[in-house]
Amino acid sequence: MRILVVGAGATGGYFGGRLLQAGREVTFLVRPARARLLRERGLRITGLGERTTLTPRTILTGEITSPFDLILLSVKATGLGGAMEDLAPAVGPDTLILPVLNGMRHIDDLAERFGDRTVLGGVAIVATTVDADGDIVRLAEPQSLTYGARAAPAPKPLAEAHRALGGAGFDTGLSGDIIGEMWTKWVFIAATGAVTCLMRGTVGEVASVPGGIGFAEAVVAECAAVAAAAGHAVPGKELENTRATVTAPGSPFASSLYRDLAGGRDIEGEHIFGDLILRARRLGVAVPLLDLVTLHLRVYQGRLDNTPGRTAGGSIP
């Protein structure tokens, strides 16, 4: 399959790089600055003892001349609108779009623009970051990509896409309940983000103070209640994993949302929390702690947006 990876950041760069390394036909849709860096240094995957350098094929906005078979969409939610415009020429009648953004709002936006049958559900589990040199740095194992049709019957090209994604150096899974799996990840992302962002510290720092563990457990309970009311209750094992993650004494864990917050970068507050509390309202679920973290992040993002001389980022990393 002809695969277009939209974004060569921590997520797209890793999965796209692995697919390229496995011999798949991969093209990266990137901004000019990222394209120059990839030409000069290559796409580098490092960390955990690895030092891999790949030579990727890149394309810029406006240079797409024909549809791709599969589009792996890995931009942040804040860049989704621009990314949809950028990738539109790559979408043909048989194209599949596999988004791996957090939350659920992006599914509605993509389906409205490109059609229900075109848009798959997807969950990426990956611990990577981009360092000052632009390299993809692995922080932990494992890395996995799970995907599936959001409703039956599955689109015919999905089986071929599953074969193309498999055997490329990361775990893959074709799910029969991808929406449920997306909700499970959403609960994890929201819970870890709320605990670390609202308390401005790592999980271990929160757990070490009186009331910290109780607060974290209450956050998990609110997130899980919304998922259950939406008809996608988080399975017991996964829910316990989330609870254990946010209450572990001494843990250095900090969510990527908190890392963005601490680094003064744009955050996915509305996509992760704004949409979640909106769904909670519609479902009649009280979420006072999630309301509080949403307000906290809105104040932060508002201050960032109103910083004099600030230049907004582009749509594709």
C-alpha atoms as a PDB file:
ATOM      1  CA  MET A   1       0.000   0.000   0.000  1.00  0.00           C
ATOM      2  CA  ARG A   2       1.032   3.595  -0.547  1.00  0.00           C
ATOM      3  CA  ILE A   3       1.149   5.001   2.987  1.00  0.00           C
ATOM      4  CA  LEU A   4       1.137   8.712   3.812  1.00  0.00           C
ATOM      5  CA  VAL A   5       2.254   9.636   7.319  1.00  0.00           C
ATOM      6  CA  VAL A   6       0.997  13.082   8.266  1.00  0.00           C
ATOM      7  CA  GLY A   7       3.502  14.446  10.746  1.00  0.00           C
ATOM      8  CA  ALA A   8       6.997  13.150  11.512  1.00  0.00           C
ATOM      9  CA  GLY A   9       7.005  13.968  15.201  1.00  0.00           C
ATOM     10  CA  ALA A  10       7.302  11.635  18.178  1.00  0.00           C
ATOM     11  CA  THR A  11       4.420   9.382  17.116  1.00  0.00           C
ATOM     12  CA  GLY A  12       4.310   9.630  13.325  1.00  0.00           C
ATOM     13  CA  GLY A  13       8.086   9.682  13.070  1.00  0.00           C
ATOM     14  CA  TYR A  14       8.371   6.495  15.109  1.00  0.00           C
ATOM     15  CA  PHE A  15       5.643   4.412  13.428  1.00  0.00           C
ATOM     16  CA  GLY A  16       6.401   5.797   9.970  1.00  0.00           C
ATOM     17  CA  GLY A  17      10.080   5.131  10.503  1.00  0.00           C
ATOM     18  CA  ARG A  18       9.448   1.537  11.506  1.00  0.00           C
ATOM     19  CA  LEU A  19       7.258   1.009   8.429  1.00  0.00           C
ATOM     20  CA  LEU A  20       9.957   2.503   6.228  1.00  0.00           C
ATOM     21  CA  GLN A  21      12.575   0.310   7.895  1.00  0.00           C
ATOM     22  CA  ALA A  22      10.400  -2.736   7.127  1.00  0.00           C
ATOM     23  CA  GLY A  23      10.332  -1.870   3.433  1.00  0.00           C
ATOM     24  CA  ARG A  24       6.860  -0.354   3.167  1.00  0.00           C
ATOM     25  CA  GLU A  25       6.167   2.440   0.666  1.00  0.00           C
ATOM     26  CA  VAL A  26       5.993   5.397   3.048  1.00  0.00           C
ATOM     27  CA  THR A  27       5.863   9.143   2.385  1.00  0.00           C
ATOM     28  CA  PHE A  28       5.891  11.790   5.129  1.00  0.00           C
ATOM     29  CA  LEU A  29       3.815  14.962   4.735  1.00  0.00           C
ATOM     30  CA  VAL A  30       5.812  17.560   6.656  1.00  0.00           C
ATOM     31  CA  ARG A  31       6.501  21.273   6.935  1.00  0.00           C
ATOM     32  CA  PRO A  32       9.490  22.765   5.064  1.00  0.00           C
ATOM     33  CA  ALA A  33      11.701  23.049   8.158  1.00  0.00           C
ATOM     34  CA  ARG A  34      11.120  19.406   9.094  1.00  0.00           C
ATOM     35  CA  ALA A  35      11.739  18.341   5.488  1.00  0.00           C
ATOM     36  CA  ARG A  36      15.098  20.130   5.457  1.00  0.00           C
ATOM     37  CA  LEU A  37      16.128  18.515   8.730  1.00  0.00           C
ATOM     38  CA  LEU A  38      15.176  15.056   7.495  1.00  0.00           C
ATOM     39  CA  ARG A  39      17.196  15.603   4.301  1.00  0.00           C
ATOM     40  CA  GLU A  40      20.236  16.744   6.268  1.00  0.00           C
ATOM     41  CA  ARG A  41      20.199  14.261   9.171  1.00  0.00           C
ATOM     42  CA  GLY A  42      17.800  11.567   8.083  1.00  0.00           C
ATOM     43  CA  LEU A  43      15.012  10.222  10.270  1.00  0.00           C
ATOM     44  CA  ARG A  44      16.781   9.041  13.392  1.00  0.00           C
ATOM     45  CA  ILE A  45      15.349   6.729  16.027  1.00  0.00           C
ATOM     46  CA  THR A  46      17.426   6.542  19.189  1.00  0.00           C
ATOM     47  CA  GLY A  47      17.135   5.534  22.826  1.00  0.00           C
ATOM     48  CA  LEU A  48      17.106   2.214  24.711  1.00  0.00           C
ATOM     49  CA  GLY A  49      20.373   1.308  22.995  1.00  0.00           C
ATOM     50  CA  GLU A  50      19.178   2.001  19.446  1.00  0.00           C
ATOM     51  CA  ARG A  51      20.696   4.342  16.854  1.00  0.00           C
ATOM     52  CA  THR A  52      18.840   3.968  13.549  1.00  0.00           C
ATOM     53  CA  THR A  53      19.110   6.415  10.651  1.00  0.00           C
ATOM     54  CA  LEU A  54      16.625   6.221   7.768  1.00  0.00           C
ATOM     55  CA  THR A  55      16.254   8.178   4.534  1.00  0.00           C
ATOM     56  CA  PRO A  56      12.569   9.074   4.264  1.00  0.00           C
ATOM     57  CA  ARG A  57      10.597  10.286   1.278  1.00  0.00           C
ATOM     58  CA  THR A  58       8.983  13.623   2.151  1.00  0.00           C
ATOM     59  CA  ILE A  59       6.331  15.776   0.522  1.00  0.00           C
ATOM     60  CA  LEU A  60       5.138  19.292   1.296  1.00  0.00           C
ATOM     61  CA  THR A  61       1.654  20.767   1.375  1.00  0.00           C
ATOM     62  CA  GLY A  62       0.475  21.372  -2.184  1.00  0.00           C
ATOM     63  CA  GLU A  63       2.703  18.691  -3.703  1.00  0.00           C
ATOM     64  CA  ILE A  64       0.245  15.778  -3.449  1.00  0.00           C
ATOM     65  CA  THR A  65      -0.829  14.759  -6.948  1.00  0.00           C
ATOM     66  CA  SER A  66      -2.656  11.451  -6.382  1.00  0.00           C
ATOM     67  CA  PRO A  67      -4.494   9.563  -3.633  1.00  0.00           C
ATOM     68  CA  PHE A  68      -2.771   7.327  -1.096  1.00  0.00           C
ATOM     69  CA  ASP A  69      -4.129   4.001   0.120  1.00  0.00           C
ATOM     70  CA  LEU A  70      -3.606   4.593   3.832  1.00  0.00           C
ATOM     71  CA  ILE A  71      -3.084   7.847   5.731  1.00  0.00           C
ATOM     72  CA  LEU A  72      -1.597   7.619   9.230  1.00  0.00           C
ATOM     73  CA  LEU A  73      -2.615  10.870  10.903  1.00  0.00           C
ATOM     74  CA  SER A  74      -0.484  11.679  13.945  1.00  0.00           C
ATOM     75  CA  VAL A  75      -0.653  15.444  14.451  1.00  0.00           C
ATOM     76  CA  LYS A  76      -1.716  17.006  17.730  1.00  0.00           C
ATOM     77  CA  ALA A  77      -5.351  17.969  18.091  1.00  0.00           C
ATOM     78  CA  THR A  78      -4.430  21.654  17.945  1.00  0.00           C
ATOM     79  CA  GLY A  79      -3.246  21.139  14.358  1.00  0.00           C
ATOM     80  CA  LEU A  80      -6.090  18.932  13.143  1.00  0.00           C
ATOM     81  CA  GLY A  81      -7.970  21.595  11.147  1.00  0.00           C
ATOM     82  CA  GLY A  82      -4.936  22.580   9.131  1.00  0.00           C
ATOM     83  CA  ALA A  83      -3.864  18.968   8.695  1.00  0.00           C
ATOM     84  CA  MET A  84      -7.242  18.043   7.184  1.00  0.00           C
ATOM     85  CA  GLU A  85      -6.800  20.748   4.572  1.00  0.00           C
ATOM     86  CA  ASP A  86      -3.238  19.617   3.875  1.00  0.00           C
ATOM     87  CA  LEU A  87      -4.057  15.932   3.404  1.00  0.00           C
ATOM     88  CA  ALA A  88      -7.339  16.356   1.500  1.00  0.00           C
ATOM     89  CA  PRO A  89      -5.720  15.867  -1.950  1.00  0.00           C
ATOM     90  CA  ALA A  90      -4.401  12.482  -0.762  1.00  0.00           C
ATOM     91  CA  VAL A  91      -7.904  11.111  -0.065  1.00  0.00           C
ATOM     92  CA  GLY A  92      -9.459   9.036  -2.840  1.00  0.00           C
ATOM     93  CA  PRO A  93     -12.574   6.819  -2.935  1.00  0.00           C
ATOM     94  CA  ASP A  94     -10.714   3.827  -1.429  1.00  0.00           C
ATOM     95  CA  THR A  95      -8.395   5.686   0.960  1.00  0.00           C
ATOM     96  CA  LEU A  96      -8.415   4.800   4.650  1.00  0.00           C
ATOM     97  CA  ILE A  97      -7.497   7.378   7.297  1.00  0.00           C
ATOM     98  CA  LEU A  98      -6.056   6.005  10.532  1.00  0.00           C
ATOM     99  CA  PRO A  99      -5.940   8.808  13.139  1.00  0.00           C
ATOM    100  CA  VAL A 100      -4.088   8.219  16.403  1.00  0.00           C
ATOM    101  CA  LEU A 101      -5.002  11.423  18.223  1.00  0.00           C
ATOM    102  CA  ASN A 102      -6.141  11.466  21.830  1.00  0.00           C
ATOM    103  CA  GLY A 103      -9.798  11.621  22.782  1.00  0.00           C
ATOM    104  CA  MET A 104     -12.706  11.266  20.378  1.00  0.00           C
ATOM    105  CA  ARG A 105     -13.557  14.687  18.922  1.00  0.00           C
ATOM    106  CA  HIS A 106     -11.232  14.249  15.935  1.00  0.00           C
ATOM    107  CA  ILE A 107     -13.271  11.269  14.730  1.00  0.00           C
ATOM    108  CA  ASP A 108     -16.363  13.431  14.305  1.00  0.00           C
ATOM    109  CA  ASP A 109     -14.397  16.139  12.473  1.00  0.00           C
ATOM    110  CA  LEU A 110     -12.694  13.696  10.109  1.00  0.00           C
ATOM    111  CA  ALA A 111     -15.860  11.714   9.392  1.00  0.00           C
ATOM    112  CA  GLU A 112     -17.776  14.891   8.596  1.00  0.00           C
ATOM    113  CA  ARG A 113     -15.079  15.975   6.139  1.00  0.00           C
ATOM    114  CA  PHE A 114     -14.116  12.666   4.510  1.00  0.00           C
ATOM    115  CA  GLY A 115     -16.988  10.271   5.226  1.00  0.00           C
ATOM    116  CA  ASP A 116     -17.678   7.614   7.856  1.00  0.00           C
ATOM    117  CA  ARG A 117     -16.321   4.710   5.823  1.00  0.00           C
ATOM    118  CA  THR A 118     -12.989   6.436   5.243  1.00  0.00           C
ATOM    119  CA  VAL A 119     -12.122   7.028   8.892  1.00  0.00           C
ATOM    120  CA  LEU A 120     -10.911   4.199  11.116  1.00  0.00           C
ATOM    121  CA  GLY A 121     -10.552   4.279  14.862  1.00  0.00           C
ATOM    122  CA  GLY A 122      -7.027   4.026  16.211  1.00  0.00           C
ATOM    123  CA  VAL A 123      -5.035   3.796  19.432  1.00  0.00           C
ATOM    124  CA  ALA A 124      -1.278   4.336  19.580  1.00  0.00           C
ATOM    125  CA  ILE A 125       0.702   3.293  22.629  1.00  0.00           C
ATOM    126  CA  VAL A 126       4.140   4.831  22.291  1.00  0.00           C
ATOM    127  CA  ALA A 127       6.659   6.371  24.688  1.00  0.00           C
ATOM    128  CA  THR A 128       8.783   8.623  22.492  1.00  0.00           C
ATOM    129  CA  THR A 129       9.807  12.240  22.291  1.00  0.00           C
ATOM    130  CA  VAL A 130      11.625  14.520  19.858  1.00  0.00           C
ATOM    131  CA  ASP A 131      14.929  15.879  21.171  1.00  0.00           C
ATOM    132  CA  ALA A 132      16.644  19.190  20.395  1.00  0.00           C
ATOM    133  CA  ASP A 133      18.268  17.670  17.298  1.00  0.00           C
ATOM    134  CA  GLY A 134      14.921  16.532  15.897  1.00  0.00           C
ATOM    135  CA  ASP A 135      15.580  12.838  16.564  1.00  0.00           C
ATOM    136  CA  ILE A 136      12.889  10.411  17.733  1.00  0.00           C
ATOM    137  CA  VAL A 137      13.927   9.173  21.186  1.00  0.00           C
ATOM    138  CA  ARG A 138      12.443   5.971  22.595  1.00  0.00           C
ATOM    139  CA  LEU A 139      11.727   6.268  26.312  1.00  0.00           C
ATOM    140  CA  ALA A 140      10.157   2.900  27.127  1.00  0.00           C
ATOM    141  CA  GLU A 141       8.706  -0.289  25.724  1.00  0.00           C
ATOM    142  CA  PRO A 142       6.390  -1.510  24.323  1.00  0.00           C
ATOM    143  CA  GLN A 143       5.086   0.366  21.264  1.00  0.00           C
ATOM    144  CA  SER A 144       1.802  -0.701  19.651  1.00  0.00           C
ATOM    145  CA  LEU A 145      -0.802   0.383  17.128  1.00  0.00           C
ATOM    146  CA  THR A 146      -4.390  -0.858  17.356  1.00  0.00           C
ATOM    147  CA  TYR A 147      -7.066   0.007  14.787  1.00  0.00           C
ATOM    148  CA  GLY A 148     -10.376  -1.093  13.382  1.00  0.00           C
ATOM    149  CA  ALA A 149     -13.586  -0.173  11.631  1.00  0.00           C
ATOM    150  CA  ARG A 150     -15.910   1.944  13.728  1.00  0.00           C
ATOM    151  CA  ALA A 151     -18.984   0.109  12.430  1.00  0.00           C
ATOM    152  CA  ALA A 152     -19.750  -3.050  10.495  1.00  0.00           C
ATOM    153  CA  PRO A 153     -19.173  -4.015   7.794  1.00  0.00           C
ATOM    154  CA  ALA A 154     -15.478  -3.140   7.725  1.00  0.00           C
ATOM    155  CA  PRO A 155     -14.219  -1.381   4.575  1.00  0.00           C
ATOM    156  CA  LYS A 156     -12.626  -3.850   2.146  1.00  0.00           C
ATOM    157  CA  PRO A 157      -9.148  -2.232   2.132  1.00  0.00           C
ATOM    158  CA  LEU A 158      -8.835  -2.723   5.909  1.00  0.00           C
ATOM    159  CA  ALA A 159      -7.513  -6.278   5.587  1.00  0.00           C
ATOM    160  CA  GLU A 160      -4.764  -5.125   3.239  1.00  0.00           C
ATOM    161  CA  ALA A 161      -3.935  -2.213   5.545  1.00  0.00           C
ATOM    162  CA  HIS A 162      -3.638  -4.660   8.455  1.00  0.00           C
ATOM    163  CA  ARG A 163      -1.158  -6.746   6.476  1.00  0.00           C
ATOM    164  CA  ALA A 164       0.859  -3.650   5.519  1.00  0.00           C
ATOM    165  CA  LEU A 165       1.096  -2.444   9.128  1.00  0.00           C
ATOM    166  CA  GLY A 166       2.018  -5.832  10.577  1.00  0.00           C
ATOM    167  CA  GLY A 167       5.533  -7.163  10.968  1.00  0.00           C
ATOM    168  CA  ALA A 168       7.144  -3.729  11.066  1.00  0.00           C
ATOM    169  CA  GLY A 169       8.803  -3.790  14.472  1.00  0.00           C
ATOM    170  CA  PHE A 170       5.849  -2.792  16.654  1.00  0.00           C
ATOM    171  CA  ASP A 171       2.802  -4.658  17.910  1.00  0.00           C
ATOM    172  CA  THR A 172      -0.384  -4.315  15.860  1.00  0.00           C
ATOM    173  CA  GLY A 173      -3.948  -5.314  16.505  1.00  0.00           C
ATOM    174  CA  LEU A 174      -7.124  -5.327  14.416  1.00  0.00           C
ATOM    175  CA  SER A 175      -9.818  -4.607  16.997  1.00  0.00           C
ATOM    176  CA  GLY A 176     -13.466  -5.558  16.898  1.00  0.00           C
ATOM    177  CA  ASP A 177     -14.254  -2.814  19.438  1.00  0.00           C
ATOM    178  CA  ILE A 178     -11.945   0.044  18.553  1.00  0.00           C
ATOM    179  CA  ILE A 179     -14.266   2.698  20.006  1.00  0.00           C
ATOM    180  CA  GLY A 180     -14.163   0.918  23.358  1.00  0.00           C
ATOM    181  CA  GLU A 181     -10.373   0.796  23.187  1.00  0.00           C
ATOM    182  CA  MET A 182     -10.268   4.498  22.353  1.00  0.00           C
ATOM    183  CA  TRP A 183     -12.388   5.249  25.423  1.00  0.00           C
ATOM    184  CA  THR A 184     -10.060   3.152  27.576  1.00  0.00           C
ATOM    185  CA  LYS A 185      -7.070   5.159  26.420  1.00  0.00           C
ATOM    186  CA  TRP A 186      -9.012   8.413  26.803  1.00  0.00           C
ATOM    187  CA  VAL A 187      -9.701   7.591  30.454  1.00  0.00           C
ATOM    188  CA  PHE A 188      -5.990   6.870  31.000  1.00  0.00           C
ATOM    189  CA  ILE A 189      -4.835  10.054  29.229  1.00  0.00           C
ATOM    190  CA  ALA A 190      -7.396  12.214  31.019  1.00  0.00           C
ATOM    191  CA  ALA A 191      -6.675  10.749  34.447  1.00  0.00           C
ATOM    192  CA  THR A 192      -2.891  11.027  34.199  1.00  0.00           C
ATOM    193  CA  GLY A 193      -3.166  14.470  32.638  1.00  0.00           C
ATOM    194  CA  ALA A 194      -5.556  15.763  35.287  1.00  0.00           C
ATOM    195  CA  VAL A 195      -3.486  14.508  38.204  1.00  0.00           C
ATOM    196  CA  THR A 196      -0.140  15.834  36.970  1.00  0.00           C
ATOM    197  CA  CYS A 197      -1.357  19.087  35.386  1.00  0.00           C
ATOM    198  CA  LEU A 198      -3.663  20.190  38.177  1.00  0.00           C
ATOM    199  CA  MET A 199      -1.090  19.400  40.853  1.00  0.00           C
ATOM    200  CA  ARG A 200       1.870  20.531  38.699  1.00  0.00           C
ATOM    201  CA  GLY A 201       3.993  17.539  39.604  1.00  0.00           C
ATOM    202  CA  THR A 202       4.850  13.935  38.880  1.00  0.00           C
ATOM    203  CA  VAL A 203       2.680  11.075  40.057  1.00  0.00           C
ATOM    204  CA  GLY A 204       5.166  10.316  42.818  1.00  0.00           C
ATOM    205  CA  GLU A 205       5.140  13.912  44.039  1.00  0.00           C
ATOM    206  CA  VAL A 206       1.345  13.933  44.198  1.00  0.00           C
ATOM    207  CA  ALA A 207       1.187  10.539  45.910  1.00  0.00           C
ATOM    208  CA  SER A 208       3.741  11.606  48.526  1.00  0.00           C
ATOM    209  CA  VAL A 209       1.589  14.307  50.139  1.00  0.00           C
ATOM    210  CA  PRO A 210      -1.459  13.858  52.393  1.00  0.00           C
ATOM    211  CA  GLY A 211      -4.587  13.510  50.303  1.00  0.00           C
ATOM    212  CA  GLY A 212      -2.672  12.992  47.050  1.00  0.00           C
ATOM    213  CA  ILE A 213      -3.633   9.369  46.507  1.00  0.00           C
ATOM    214  CA  GLY A 214      -7.271  10.014  47.383  1.00  0.00           C
ATOM    215  CA  PHE A 215      -7.355  12.897  44.920  1.00  0.00           C
ATOM    216  CA  ALA A 216      -5.882  10.738  42.154  1.00  0.00           C
ATOM    217  CA  GLU A 217      -8.363   7.933  42.803  1.00  0.00           C
ATOM    218  CA  ALA A 218     -11.247  10.415  42.658  1.00  0.00           C
ATOM    219  CA  VAL A 219     -10.025  11.677  39.273  1.00  0.00           C
ATOM    220  CA  VAL A 220      -9.932   8.133  37.896  1.00  0.00           C
ATOM    221  CA  ALA A 221     -13.445   7.493  39.204  1.00  0.00           C
ATOM    222  CA  GLU A 222     -14.810  10.569  37.419  1.00  0.00           C
ATOM    223  CA  CYS A 223     -13.168   9.635  34.106  1.00  0.00           C
ATOM    224  CA  ALA A 224     -14.385   6.044  34.347  1.00  0.00           C
ATOM    225  CA  ALA A 225     -17.929   7.187  35.173  1.00  0.00           C
ATOM    226  CA  VAL A 226     -18.153   9.173  31.935  1.00  0.00           C
ATOM    227  CA  ALA A 227     -16.937   6.217  29.878  1.00  0.00           C
ATOM    228  CA  ALA A 228     -19.425   3.876  31.550  1.00  0.00           C
ATOM    229  CA  ALA A 229     -22.309   6.285  31.003  1.00  0.00           C
ATOM    230  CA  ALA A 230     -21.326   6.514  27.327  1.00  0.00           C
ATOM    231  CA  GLY A 231     -21.645   2.741  27.038  1.00  0.00           C
ATOM    232  CA  HIS A 232     -17.919   1.995  26.996  1.00  0.00           C
ATOM    233  CA  ALA A 233     -17.031   0.975  30.541  1.00  0.00           C
ATOM    234  CA  VAL A 234     -13.294   0.476  30.982  1.00  0.00           C
ATOM    235  CA  PRO A 235     -12.486  -3.214  31.616  1.00  0.00           C
ATOM    236  CA  GLY A 236     -11.413  -3.992  35.177  1.00  0.00           C
ATOM    237  CA  LYS A 237      -7.785  -4.817  34.398  1.00  0.00           C
ATOM    238  CA  GLU A 238      -7.230  -1.638  32.377  1.00  0.00           C
ATOM    239  CA  LEU A 239      -9.021   0.497  34.971  1.00  0.00           C
ATOM    240  CA  GLU A 240      -6.851  -0.922  37.744  1.00  0.00           C
ATOM    241  CA  ASN A 241      -3.755  -0.206  35.641  1.00  0.00           C
ATOM    242  CA  THR A 242      -4.824   3.432  35.320  1.00  0.00           C
ATOM    243  CA  ARG A 243      -5.514   3.673  39.045  1.00  0.00           C
ATOM    244  CA  ALA A 244      -2.138   2.108  39.869  1.00  0.00           C
ATOM    245  CA  THR A 245      -0.336   4.428  37.459  1.00  0.00           C
ATOM    246  CA  VAL A 246      -1.650   7.621  39.065  1.00  0.00           C
ATOM    247  CA  THR A 247      -1.165   6.508  42.680  1.00  0.00           C
ATOM    248  CA  ALA A 248       2.290   4.891  42.565  1.00  0.00           C
ATOM    249  CA  PRO A 249       4.523   6.259  45.361  1.00  0.00           C
ATOM    250  CA  GLY A 250       7.864   7.508  44.082  1.00  0.00           C
ATOM    251  CA  SER A 251       6.817   7.286  40.438  1.00  0.00           C
ATOM    252  CA  PRO A 252       8.575   9.751  38.110  1.00  0.00           C
ATOM    253  CA  PHE A 253       5.693   9.468  35.626  1.00  0.00           C
ATOM    254  CA  ALA A 254       4.378  12.708  34.149  1.00  0.00           C
ATOM    255  CA  SER A 255       1.850  12.875  31.334  1.00  0.00           C
ATOM    256  CA  SER A 256       2.831  14.317  27.954  1.00  0.00           C
ATOM    257  CA  LEU A 257       0.185  16.976  28.584  1.00  0.00           C
ATOM    258  CA  TYR A 258       2.043  18.028  31.727  1.00  0.00           C
ATOM    259  CA  ARG A 259       5.363  18.061  29.869  1.00  0.00           C
ATOM    260  CA  ASP A 260       3.831  20.408  27.291  1.00  0.00           C
ATOM    261  CA  LEU A 261       2.410  22.569  30.069  1.00  0.00           C
ATOM    262  CA  ALA A 262       5.731  22.764  31.903  1.00  0.00           C
ATOM    263  CA  GLY A 263       7.505  23.569  28.643  1.00  0.00           C
ATOM    264  CA  GLY A 264       5.201  26.487  27.800  1.00  0.00           C
ATOM    265  CA  ARG A 265       3.793  24.775  24.700  1.00  0.00           C
ATOM    266  CA  ASP A 266       0.281  24.521  23.284  1.00  0.00           C
ATOM    267  CA  ILE A 267      -1.784  21.816  24.965  1.00  0.00           C
ATOM    268  CA  GLU A 268      -4.634  19.546  23.913  1.00  0.00           C
ATOM    269  CA  GLY A 269      -6.838  20.740  26.742  1.00  0.00           C
ATOM    270  CA  GLU A 270     -10.061  21.097  24.767  1.00  0.00           C
ATOM    271  CA  HIS A 271      -9.632  17.834  22.890  1.00  0.00           C
ATOM    272  CA  ILE A 272      -8.905  15.778  26.010  1.00  0.00           C
ATOM    273  CA  PHE A 273     -10.881  17.591  28.709  1.00  0.00           C
ATOM    274  CA  GLY A 274     -13.259  20.084  27.088  1.00  0.00           C
ATOM    275  CA  ASP A 275     -14.893  17.351  25.025  1.00  0.00           C
ATOM    276  CA  LEU A 276     -14.946  14.949  27.979  1.00  0.00           C
ATOM    277  CA  ILE A 277     -16.797  17.327  30.303  1.00  0.00           C
ATOM    278  CA  LEU A 278     -19.212  18.221  27.496  1.00  0.00           C
ATOM    279  CA  ARG A 279     -20.094  14.541  27.108  1.00  0.00           C
ATOM    280  CA  ALA A 280     -20.374  14.239  30.894  1.00  0.00           C
ATOM    281  CA  ARG A 281     -22.939  17.085  30.916  1.00  0.00           C
ATOM    282  CA  ARG A 282     -24.977  15.412  28.197  1.00  0.00           C
ATOM    283  CA  LEU A 283     -24.892  12.112  30.085  1.00  0.00           C
ATOM    284  CA  GLY A 284     -25.739  13.672  33.453  1.00  0.00           C
ATOM    285  CA  VAL A 285     -22.420  12.712  35.103  1.00  0.00           C
ATOM    286  CA  ALA A 286     -21.001  15.103  37.708  1.00  0.00           C
ATOM    287  CA  VAL A 287     -17.264  15.699  37.188  1.00  0.00           C
ATOM    288  CA  PRO A 288     -16.134  18.533  39.494  1.00  0.00           C
ATOM    289  CA  LEU A 289     -12.437  17.627  39.358  1.00  0.00           C
ATOM    290  CA  LEU A 290     -12.446  17.401  35.566  1.00  0.00           C
ATOM    291  CA  ASP A 291     -14.279  20.746  35.464  1.00  0.00           C
ATOM    292  CA  LEU A 292     -11.496  22.205  37.596  1.00  0.00           C
ATOM    293  CA  VAL A 293      -8.616  20.906  35.478  1.00  0.00           C
ATOM    294  CA  THR A 294     -10.389  22.065  32.311  1.00  0.00           C
ATOM    295  CA  LEU A 295     -10.716  25.589  33.710  1.00  0.00           C
ATOM    296  CA  HIS A 296      -7.088  25.515  34.836  1.00  0.00           C
ATOM    297  CA  LEU A 297      -5.863  24.520  31.367  1.00  0.00           C
ATOM    298  CA  ARG A 298      -8.124  27.032  29.631  1.00  0.00           C
ATOM    299  CA  VAL A 299      -6.594  29.852  31.674  1.00  0.00           C
ATOM    300  CA  TYR A 300      -3.107  28.599  30.784  1.00  0.00           C
ATOM    301  CA  GLN A 301      -3.888  28.284  27.061  1.00  0.00           C
ATOM    302  CA  GLY A 302      -5.599  31.675  27.017  1.00  0.00           C
ATOM    303  CA  ARG A 303      -2.537  33.316  28.531  1.00  0.00           C
ATOM    304  CA  LEU A 304      -0.344  31.563  25.969  1.00  0.00           C
ATOM    305  CA  ASP A 305      -2.563  32.615  23.053  1.00  0.00           C
ATOM    306  CA  ASN A 306      -2.447  36.249  24.191  1.00  0.00           C
ATOM    307  CA  THR A 307       1.325  36.434  24.654  1.00  0.00           C
ATOM    308  CA  PRO A 308       2.583  39.419  22.582  1.00  0.00           C
ATOM    309  CA  GLY A 309       4.702  38.414  19.612  1.00  0.00           C
ATOM    310  CA  ARG A 310       3.828  34.736  19.875  1.00  0.00           C
ATOM    311  CA  THR A 311       3.829  32.881  16.560  1.00  0.00           C
ATOM    312  CA  ALA A 312       1.328  30.088  16.231  1.00  0.00           C
ATOM    313  CA  GLY A 313       2.686  26.716  15.161  1.00  0.00           C
ATOM    314  CA  GLY A 314       1.932  25.118  11.802  1.00  0.00           C
ATOM    315  CA  SER A 315      -0.475  22.278  11.251  1.00  0.00           C
ATOM    316  CA  ILE A 316       2.064  19.525  10.609  1.00  0.00           C
ATOM    317  CA  PRO A 317       5.023  18.818  12.907  1.00  0.00           C
END
